[in-house]
């Protein structure tokens, strides 16, 4: 079996773009989404995890509800909700690029995991 490495240098059909360019574009988008979601998750997860330990009952309940909500809904469902349902329900979100909506979905999902670790570290 031999690999045809020239495949990546072929045109994808539009006369200008090669497969390798397409792959580099996809990798850059993946890194941008994951890096941005990581920042969102770190900020929100740290704040929510700390709020879960405060003696104020209402703040702690809000933080616990945040963690339970985002931990118990599968990520694929959350991405669907953020991409299709939230913009349909709230006109403010219709103008946001899909990149931002996906970053929120992934960031909030991961923030619940970080909040669990922050709370465990504080207690």
C-alpha atoms as a PDB file:
ATOM      1  CA  UNK A   1       0.000   0.000   0.000  1.00  0.00           C
ATOM      2  CA  UNK A   2       1.366   3.406  -0.924  1.00  0.00           C
ATOM      3  CA  UNK A   3       0.062   6.776   0.088  1.00  0.00           C
ATOM      4  CA  UNK A   4      -0.760   9.313  -2.575  1.00  0.00           C
ATOM      5  CA  UNK A   5       0.485  12.470  -0.839  1.00  0.00           C
ATOM      6  CA  UNK A   6      -0.135  14.499  -3.988  1.00  0.00           C
ATOM      7  CA  UNK A   7      -3.837  14.215  -3.181  1.00  0.00           C
ATOM      8  CA  UNK A   8      -3.513  17.137  -0.743  1.00  0.00           C
ATOM      9  CA  UNK A   9      -2.174  19.366  -3.491  1.00  0.00           C
ATOM     10  CA  UNK A  10      -5.096  18.729  -5.823  1.00  0.00           C
ATOM     11  CA  UNK A  11      -7.780  21.288  -6.527  1.00  0.00           C
ATOM     12  CA  UNK A  12     -11.065  20.781  -4.634  1.00  0.00           C
ATOM     13  CA  UNK A  13     -13.066  21.785  -7.674  1.00  0.00           C
ATOM     14  CA  UNK A  14     -13.252  25.558  -7.571  1.00  0.00           C
ATOM     15  CA  UNK A  15     -10.040  26.124  -9.500  1.00  0.00           C
ATOM     16  CA  UNK A  16      -8.276  27.957  -6.674  1.00  0.00           C
ATOM     17  CA  UNK A  17      -8.308  25.986  -3.447  1.00  0.00           C
ATOM     18  CA  UNK A  18      -6.309  22.867  -2.682  1.00  0.00           C
ATOM     19  CA  UNK A  19      -7.242  20.216  -0.128  1.00  0.00           C
ATOM     20  CA  UNK A  20      -4.300  21.168   2.075  1.00  0.00           C
ATOM     21  CA  UNK A  21      -5.523  24.780   2.228  1.00  0.00           C
ATOM     22  CA  UNK A  22      -8.959  23.541   3.170  1.00  0.00           C
ATOM     23  CA  UNK A  23      -7.487  21.404   5.961  1.00  0.00           C
ATOM     24  CA  UNK A  24      -5.396  24.271   7.342  1.00  0.00           C
ATOM     25  CA  UNK A  25      -8.501  26.451   7.380  1.00  0.00           C
ATOM     26  CA  UNK A  26     -10.430  23.786   9.290  1.00  0.00           C
ATOM     27  CA  UNK A  27      -7.587  23.370  11.789  1.00  0.00           C
ATOM     28  CA  UNK A  28      -7.418  27.101  12.394  1.00  0.00           C
ATOM     29  CA  UNK A  29     -11.169  27.285  13.036  1.00  0.00           C
ATOM     30  CA  UNK A  30     -10.948  24.314  15.400  1.00  0.00           C
ATOM     31  CA  UNK A  31      -8.131  25.921  17.366  1.00  0.00           C
ATOM     32  CA  UNK A  32      -9.965  29.264  17.480  1.00  0.00           C
ATOM     33  CA  UNK A  33     -13.185  27.691  18.789  1.00  0.00           C
ATOM     34  CA  UNK A  34     -11.440  25.504  21.344  1.00  0.00           C
ATOM     35  CA  UNK A  35      -9.172  28.295  22.590  1.00  0.00           C
ATOM     36  CA  UNK A  36     -12.023  30.786  22.932  1.00  0.00           C
ATOM     37  CA  UNK A  37     -14.256  28.219  24.633  1.00  0.00           C
ATOM     38  CA  UNK A  38     -11.408  27.399  27.013  1.00  0.00           C
ATOM     39  CA  UNK A  39     -11.211  31.049  28.104  1.00  0.00           C
ATOM     40  CA  UNK A  40     -15.007  31.243  28.562  1.00  0.00           C
ATOM     41  CA  UNK A  41     -14.998  27.979  30.524  1.00  0.00           C
ATOM     42  CA  UNK A  42     -12.130  29.049  32.751  1.00  0.00           C
ATOM     43  CA  UNK A  43     -13.716  32.390  33.632  1.00  0.00           C
ATOM     44  CA  UNK A  44     -17.270  31.146  34.173  1.00  0.00           C
ATOM     45  CA  UNK A  45     -16.181  27.883  35.806  1.00  0.00           C
ATOM     46  CA  UNK A  46     -13.980  29.667  38.328  1.00  0.00           C
ATOM     47  CA  UNK A  47     -16.693  32.163  39.220  1.00  0.00           C
ATOM     48  CA  UNK A  48     -19.479  29.575  39.438  1.00  0.00           C
ATOM     49  CA  UNK A  49     -17.300  27.150  41.389  1.00  0.00           C
ATOM     50  CA  UNK A  50     -16.480  29.852  43.917  1.00  0.00           C
ATOM     51  CA  UNK A  51     -20.129  30.935  44.156  1.00  0.00           C
ATOM     52  CA  UNK A  52     -21.098  27.368  45.051  1.00  0.00           C
ATOM     53  CA  UNK A  53     -19.190  27.724  48.321  1.00  0.00           C
ATOM     54  CA  UNK A  54     -20.637  31.037  49.569  1.00  0.00           C
ATOM     55  CA  UNK A  55     -22.970  30.943  52.567  1.00  0.00           C
ATOM     56  CA  UNK A  56     -25.715  32.909  50.759  1.00  0.00           C
ATOM     57  CA  UNK A  57     -28.323  30.282  49.967  1.00  0.00           C
ATOM     58  CA  UNK A  58     -29.696  31.908  46.795  1.00  0.00           C
ATOM     59  CA  UNK A  59     -26.319  32.468  45.187  1.00  0.00           C
ATOM     60  CA  UNK A  60     -25.234  28.919  45.994  1.00  0.00           C
ATOM     61  CA  UNK A  61     -28.497  27.573  44.550  1.00  0.00           C
ATOM     62  CA  UNK A  62     -27.998  29.549  41.350  1.00  0.00           C
ATOM     63  CA  UNK A  63     -24.450  28.217  41.017  1.00  0.00           C
ATOM     64  CA  UNK A  64     -25.586  24.636  41.724  1.00  0.00           C
ATOM     65  CA  UNK A  65     -28.390  25.000  39.160  1.00  0.00           C
ATOM     66  CA  UNK A  66     -25.827  26.241  36.603  1.00  0.00           C
ATOM     67  CA  UNK A  67     -23.659  23.182  37.143  1.00  0.00           C
ATOM     68  CA  UNK A  68     -26.567  20.745  37.081  1.00  0.00           C
ATOM     69  CA  UNK A  69     -28.067  22.328  33.967  1.00  0.00           C
ATOM     70  CA  UNK A  70     -24.908  22.322  31.906  1.00  0.00           C
ATOM     71  CA  UNK A  71     -23.619  18.970  33.158  1.00  0.00           C
ATOM     72  CA  UNK A  72     -26.827  17.043  32.540  1.00  0.00           C
ATOM     73  CA  UNK A  73     -27.579  18.183  28.996  1.00  0.00           C
ATOM     74  CA  UNK A  74     -25.374  16.457  26.401  1.00  0.00           C
ATOM     75  CA  UNK A  75     -22.960  18.717  24.552  1.00  0.00           C
ATOM     76  CA  UNK A  76     -24.423  17.986  21.127  1.00  0.00           C
ATOM     77  CA  UNK A  77     -27.887  18.992  22.377  1.00  0.00           C
ATOM     78  CA  UNK A  78     -26.472  22.193  23.879  1.00  0.00           C
ATOM     79  CA  UNK A  79     -24.756  23.097  20.608  1.00  0.00           C
ATOM     80  CA  UNK A  80     -28.038  22.529  18.770  1.00  0.00           C
ATOM     81  CA  UNK A  81     -29.911  24.684  21.303  1.00  0.00           C
ATOM     82  CA  UNK A  82     -27.373  27.512  21.134  1.00  0.00           C
ATOM     83  CA  UNK A  83     -27.160  27.386  17.345  1.00  0.00           C
ATOM     84  CA  UNK A  84     -30.858  27.054  16.459  1.00  0.00           C
ATOM     85  CA  UNK A  85     -33.184  27.602  19.443  1.00  0.00           C
ATOM     86  CA  UNK A  86     -31.600  30.498  21.362  1.00  0.00           C
ATOM     87  CA  UNK A  87     -31.411  32.810  18.300  1.00  0.00           C
ATOM     88  CA  UNK A  88     -35.029  31.976  17.447  1.00  0.00           C
ATOM     89  CA  UNK A  89     -36.200  32.770  20.990  1.00  0.00           C
ATOM     90  CA  UNK A  90     -34.076  35.852  21.645  1.00  0.00           C
ATOM     91  CA  UNK A  91     -33.719  38.301  18.735  1.00  0.00           C
ATOM     92  CA  UNK A  92     -30.574  39.755  20.339  1.00  0.00           C
ATOM     93  CA  UNK A  93     -28.698  36.543  19.497  1.00  0.00           C
ATOM     94  CA  UNK A  94     -29.769  36.495  15.817  1.00  0.00           C
ATOM     95  CA  UNK A  95     -27.048  38.954  14.895  1.00  0.00           C
ATOM     96  CA  UNK A  96     -24.247  36.968  16.533  1.00  0.00           C
ATOM     97  CA  UNK A  97     -21.986  34.876  14.310  1.00  0.00           C
ATOM     98  CA  UNK A  98     -22.308  31.129  14.636  1.00  0.00           C
ATOM     99  CA  UNK A  99     -18.706  31.049  15.895  1.00  0.00           C
ATOM    100  CA  UNK A 100     -19.732  32.949  19.055  1.00  0.00           C
ATOM    101  CA  UNK A 101     -22.756  30.731  19.672  1.00  0.00           C
ATOM    102  CA  UNK A 102     -20.689  27.554  19.436  1.00  0.00           C
ATOM    103  CA  UNK A 103     -18.027  29.057  21.726  1.00  0.00           C
ATOM    104  CA  UNK A 104     -20.738  29.809  24.314  1.00  0.00           C
ATOM    105  CA  UNK A 105     -22.130  26.282  24.066  1.00  0.00           C
ATOM    106  CA  UNK A 106     -18.756  24.595  24.478  1.00  0.00           C
ATOM    107  CA  UNK A 107     -17.548  27.120  27.056  1.00  0.00           C
ATOM    108  CA  UNK A 108     -20.612  26.859  29.303  1.00  0.00           C
ATOM    109  CA  UNK A 109     -20.607  23.071  29.066  1.00  0.00           C
ATOM    110  CA  UNK A 110     -16.978  22.945  30.149  1.00  0.00           C
ATOM    111  CA  UNK A 111     -17.480  25.628  32.798  1.00  0.00           C
ATOM    112  CA  UNK A 112     -19.700  23.222  34.722  1.00  0.00           C
ATOM    113  CA  UNK A 113     -16.842  20.707  34.831  1.00  0.00           C
ATOM    114  CA  UNK A 114     -14.389  23.371  35.965  1.00  0.00           C
ATOM    115  CA  UNK A 115     -16.839  24.604  38.618  1.00  0.00           C
ATOM    116  CA  UNK A 116     -16.938  21.091  40.080  1.00  0.00           C
ATOM    117  CA  UNK A 117     -13.152  21.034  40.334  1.00  0.00           C
ATOM    118  CA  UNK A 118     -12.977  24.547  41.810  1.00  0.00           C
ATOM    119  CA  UNK A 119     -15.533  23.665  44.460  1.00  0.00           C
ATOM    120  CA  UNK A 120     -13.687  20.451  45.314  1.00  0.00           C
ATOM    121  CA  UNK A 121     -10.441  22.400  45.603  1.00  0.00           C
ATOM    122  CA  UNK A 122     -11.930  25.070  47.875  1.00  0.00           C
ATOM    123  CA  UNK A 123     -13.600  22.678  50.293  1.00  0.00           C
END
